[in-house]
Amino acid sequence: MKRGQLSIYELVKRNKEEMLRDKEFINKIEVKIEENHLKKTK
């Protein structure tokens, strides 16, 4: 394997980690939107 070339396993693992981070980020945004909506509807 050439230097700088990732194995398929490493790519998949990295991709999953990025997806999890994105999911957490999206969840945080959704929570903020819900909180703002609740404040406005009171």
PDB file of N, CA and C in Angstrom:
ATOM      1  N   MET A   1       0.846  -1.195   0.000  1.00  0.00           N
ATOM      2  CA  MET A   1       0.000   0.000   0.000  1.00  0.00           C
ATOM      3  C   MET A   1       0.883   1.246   0.000  1.00  0.00           C
ATOM      4  N   LYS A   2       0.550   2.183  -0.874  1.00  0.00           N
ATOM      5  CA  LYS A   2       1.316   3.426  -0.958  1.00  0.00           C
ATOM      6  C   LYS A   2       1.087   4.280   0.276  1.00  0.00           C
ATOM      7  N   ARG A   3       2.067   5.116   0.549  1.00  0.00           N
ATOM      8  CA  ARG A   3       1.899   6.043   1.671  1.00  0.00           C
ATOM      9  C   ARG A   3       0.794   7.031   1.340  1.00  0.00           C
ATOM     10  N   GLY A   4      -0.023   7.371   2.328  1.00  0.00           N
ATOM     11  CA  GLY A   4      -1.111   8.321   2.106  1.00  0.00           C
ATOM     12  C   GLY A   4      -2.375   7.666   1.568  1.00  0.00           C
ATOM     13  N   GLN A   5      -2.314   6.376   1.300  1.00  0.00           N
ATOM     14  CA  GLN A   5      -3.493   5.667   0.791  1.00  0.00           C
ATOM     15  C   GLN A   5      -4.155   4.933   1.949  1.00  0.00           C
ATOM     16  N   LEU A   6      -5.408   5.236   2.180  1.00  0.00           N
ATOM     17  CA  LEU A   6      -6.125   4.603   3.288  1.00  0.00           C
ATOM     18  C   LEU A   6      -6.746   3.286   2.842  1.00  0.00           C
ATOM     19  N   SER A   7      -6.835   2.364   3.778  1.00  0.00           N
ATOM     20  CA  SER A   7      -7.532   1.113   3.484  1.00  0.00           C
ATOM     21  C   SER A   7      -9.035   1.382   3.475  1.00  0.00           C
ATOM     22  N   ILE A   8      -9.778   0.513   2.839  1.00  0.00           N
ATOM     23  CA  ILE A   8     -11.235   0.646   2.782  1.00  0.00           C
ATOM     24  C   ILE A   8     -11.805   0.716   4.199  1.00  0.00           C
ATOM     25  N   TYR A   9     -11.286  -0.137   5.075  1.00  0.00           N
ATOM     26  CA  TYR A   9     -11.770  -0.178   6.460  1.00  0.00           C
ATOM     27  C   TYR A   9     -11.613   1.182   7.135  1.00  0.00           C
ATOM     28  N   GLU A  10     -10.427   1.800   6.954  1.00  0.00           N
ATOM     29  CA  GLU A  10     -10.187   3.102   7.575  1.00  0.00           C
ATOM     30  C   GLU A  10     -11.129   4.159   7.009  1.00  0.00           C
ATOM     31  N   LEU A  11     -11.358   4.106   5.698  1.00  0.00           N
ATOM     32  CA  LEU A  11     -12.271   5.069   5.070  1.00  0.00           C
ATOM     33  C   LEU A  11     -13.688   4.916   5.621  1.00  0.00           C
ATOM     34  N   VAL A  12     -14.147   3.673   5.723  1.00  0.00           N
ATOM     35  CA  VAL A  12     -15.499   3.409   6.234  1.00  0.00           C
ATOM     36  C   VAL A  12     -15.615   3.896   7.673  1.00  0.00           C
ATOM     37  N   LYS A  13     -14.591   3.588   8.485  1.00  0.00           N
ATOM     38  CA  LYS A  13     -14.593   3.991   9.886  1.00  0.00           C
ATOM     39  C   LYS A  13     -14.652   5.512  10.007  1.00  0.00           C
ATOM     40  N   ARG A  14     -13.827   6.187   9.215  1.00  0.00           N
ATOM     41  CA  ARG A  14     -13.786   7.650   9.248  1.00  0.00           C
ATOM     42  C   ARG A  14     -15.130   8.228   8.808  1.00  0.00           C
ATOM     43  N   ASN A  15     -15.711   7.622   7.770  1.00  0.00           N
ATOM     44  CA  ASN A  15     -16.999   8.072   7.255  1.00  0.00           C
ATOM     45  C   ASN A  15     -18.084   7.947   8.325  1.00  0.00           C
ATOM     46  N   LYS A  16     -18.088   6.819   9.050  1.00  0.00           N
ATOM     47  CA  LYS A  16     -19.077   6.613  10.113  1.00  0.00           C
ATOM     48  C   LYS A  16     -18.922   7.658  11.203  1.00  0.00           C
ATOM     49  N   GLU A  17     -17.663   7.959  11.576  1.00  0.00           N
ATOM     50  CA  GLU A  17     -17.415   8.956  12.617  1.00  0.00           C
ATOM     51  C   GLU A  17     -17.938  10.320  12.181  1.00  0.00           C
ATOM     52  N   GLU A  18     -17.694  10.674  10.906  1.00  0.00           N
ATOM     53  CA  GLU A  18     -18.174  11.956  10.397  1.00  0.00           C
ATOM     54  C   GLU A  18     -19.696  11.992  10.379  1.00  0.00           C
ATOM     55  N   MET A  19     -20.319  10.877   9.991  1.00  0.00           N
ATOM     56  CA  MET A  19     -21.777  10.815   9.966  1.00  0.00           C
ATOM     57  C   MET A  19     -22.347  10.991  11.368  1.00  0.00           C
ATOM     58  N   LEU A  20     -21.712  10.373  12.362  1.00  0.00           N
ATOM     59  CA  LEU A  20     -22.180  10.507  13.741  1.00  0.00           C
ATOM     60  C   LEU A  20     -22.066  11.949  14.213  1.00  0.00           C
ATOM     61  N   ARG A  21     -20.943  12.594  13.864  1.00  0.00           N
ATOM     62  CA  ARG A  21     -20.761  14.000  14.245  1.00  0.00           C
ATOM     63  C   ARG A  21     -21.835  14.860  13.594  1.00  0.00           C
ATOM     64  N   ASP A  22     -22.099  14.613  12.297  1.00  0.00           N
ATOM     65  CA  ASP A  22     -23.132  15.370  11.592  1.00  0.00           C
ATOM     66  C   ASP A  22     -24.484  15.156  12.244  1.00  0.00           C
ATOM     67  N   LYS A  23     -24.772  13.920  12.632  1.00  0.00           N
ATOM     68  CA  LYS A  23     -26.046  13.584  13.260  1.00  0.00           C
ATOM     69  C   LYS A  23     -26.205  14.349  14.569  1.00  0.00           C
ATOM     70  N   GLU A  24     -25.135  14.390  15.380  1.00  0.00           N
ATOM     71  CA  GLU A  24     -25.178  15.129  16.641  1.00  0.00           C
ATOM     72  C   GLU A  24     -25.431  16.598  16.377  1.00  0.00           C
ATOM     73  N   PHE A  25     -24.749  17.144  15.366  1.00  0.00           N
ATOM     74  CA  PHE A  25     -24.879  18.554  15.007  1.00  0.00           C
ATOM     75  C   PHE A  25     -26.322  18.860  14.600  1.00  0.00           C
ATOM     76  N   ILE A  26     -26.889  18.001  13.761  1.00  0.00           N
ATOM     77  CA  ILE A  26     -28.274  18.175  13.304  1.00  0.00           C
ATOM     78  C   ILE A  26     -29.234  18.089  14.491  1.00  0.00           C
ATOM     79  N   ASN A  27     -29.006  17.137  15.396  1.00  0.00           N
ATOM     80  CA  ASN A  27     -29.861  17.000  16.579  1.00  0.00           C
ATOM     81  C   ASN A  27     -29.828  18.263  17.422  1.00  0.00           C
ATOM     82  N   LYS A  28     -28.629  18.854  17.602  1.00  0.00           N
ATOM     83  CA  LYS A  28     -28.505  20.085  18.384  1.00  0.00           C
ATOM     84  C   LYS A  28     -29.306  21.204  17.736  1.00  0.00           C
ATOM     85  N   ILE A  29     -29.221  21.309  16.404  1.00  0.00           N
ATOM     86  CA  ILE A  29     -29.969  22.342  15.684  1.00  0.00           C
ATOM     87  C   ILE A  29     -31.469  22.125  15.867  1.00  0.00           C
ATOM     88  N   GLU A  30     -31.918  20.874  15.746  1.00  0.00           N
ATOM     89  CA  GLU A  30     -33.344  20.578  15.906  1.00  0.00           C
ATOM     90  C   GLU A  30     -33.826  20.945  17.301  1.00  0.00           C
ATOM     91  N   VAL A  31     -33.016  20.662  18.310  1.00  0.00           N
ATOM     92  CA  VAL A  31     -33.386  20.999  19.689  1.00  0.00           C
ATOM     93  C   VAL A  31     -33.517  22.509  19.832  1.00  0.00           C
ATOM     94  N   LYS A  32     -32.569  23.258  19.261  1.00  0.00           N
ATOM     95  CA  LYS A  32     -32.620  24.722  19.335  1.00  0.00           C
ATOM     96  C   LYS A  32     -33.877  25.254  18.662  1.00  0.00           C
ATOM     97  N   ILE A  33     -34.199  24.695  17.501  1.00  0.00           N
ATOM     98  CA  ILE A  33     -35.398  25.128  16.772  1.00  0.00           C
ATOM     99  C   ILE A  33     -36.643  24.865  17.620  1.00  0.00           C
ATOM    100  N   GLU A  34     -36.720  23.684  18.233  1.00  0.00           N
ATOM    101  CA  GLU A  34     -37.874  23.350  19.077  1.00  0.00           C
ATOM    102  C   GLU A  34     -37.976  24.297  20.259  1.00  0.00           C
ATOM    103  N   GLU A  35     -36.828  24.601  20.894  1.00  0.00           N
ATOM    104  CA  GLU A  35     -36.833  25.509  22.046  1.00  0.00           C
ATOM    105  C   GLU A  35     -37.322  26.887  21.624  1.00  0.00           C
ATOM    106  N   ASN A  36     -36.829  27.375  20.487  1.00  0.00           N
ATOM    107  CA  ASN A  36     -37.255  28.687  19.996  1.00  0.00           C
ATOM    108  C   ASN A  36     -38.742  28.689  19.693  1.00  0.00           C
ATOM    109  N   HIS A  37     -39.224  27.622  19.095  1.00  0.00           N
ATOM    110  CA  HIS A  37     -40.642  27.516  18.748  1.00  0.00           C
ATOM    111  C   HIS A  37     -41.500  27.519  20.013  1.00  0.00           C
ATOM    112  N   LEU A  38     -41.055  26.804  21.031  1.00  0.00           N
ATOM    113  CA  LEU A  38     -41.806  26.752  22.290  1.00  0.00           C
ATOM    114  C   LEU A  38     -41.855  28.130  22.945  1.00  0.00           C
ATOM    115  N   LYS A  39     -40.740  28.859  22.903  1.00  0.00           N
ATOM    116  CA  LYS A  39     -40.701  30.206  23.484  1.00  0.00           C
ATOM    117  C   LYS A  39     -41.683  31.124  22.769  1.00  0.00           C
ATOM    118  N   LYS A  40     -41.748  31.010  21.436  1.00  0.00           N
ATOM    119  CA  LYS A  40     -42.621  31.880  20.644  1.00  0.00           C
ATOM    120  C   LYS A  40     -44.093  31.563  20.871  1.00  0.00           C
ATOM    121  N   THR A  41     -44.414  30.300  21.114  1.00  0.00           N
ATOM    122  CA  THR A  41     -45.820  29.905  21.229  1.00  0.00           C
ATOM    123  C   THR A  41     -46.389  30.159  22.622  1.00  0.00           C
ATOM    124  N   LYS A  42     -45.539  30.484  23.591  1.00  0.00           N
ATOM    125  CA  LYS A  42     -46.029  30.727  24.952  1.00  0.00           C
ATOM    126  C   LYS A  42     -46.789  32.032  25.021  1.00  0.00           C
TER     127      LYS A  42
END
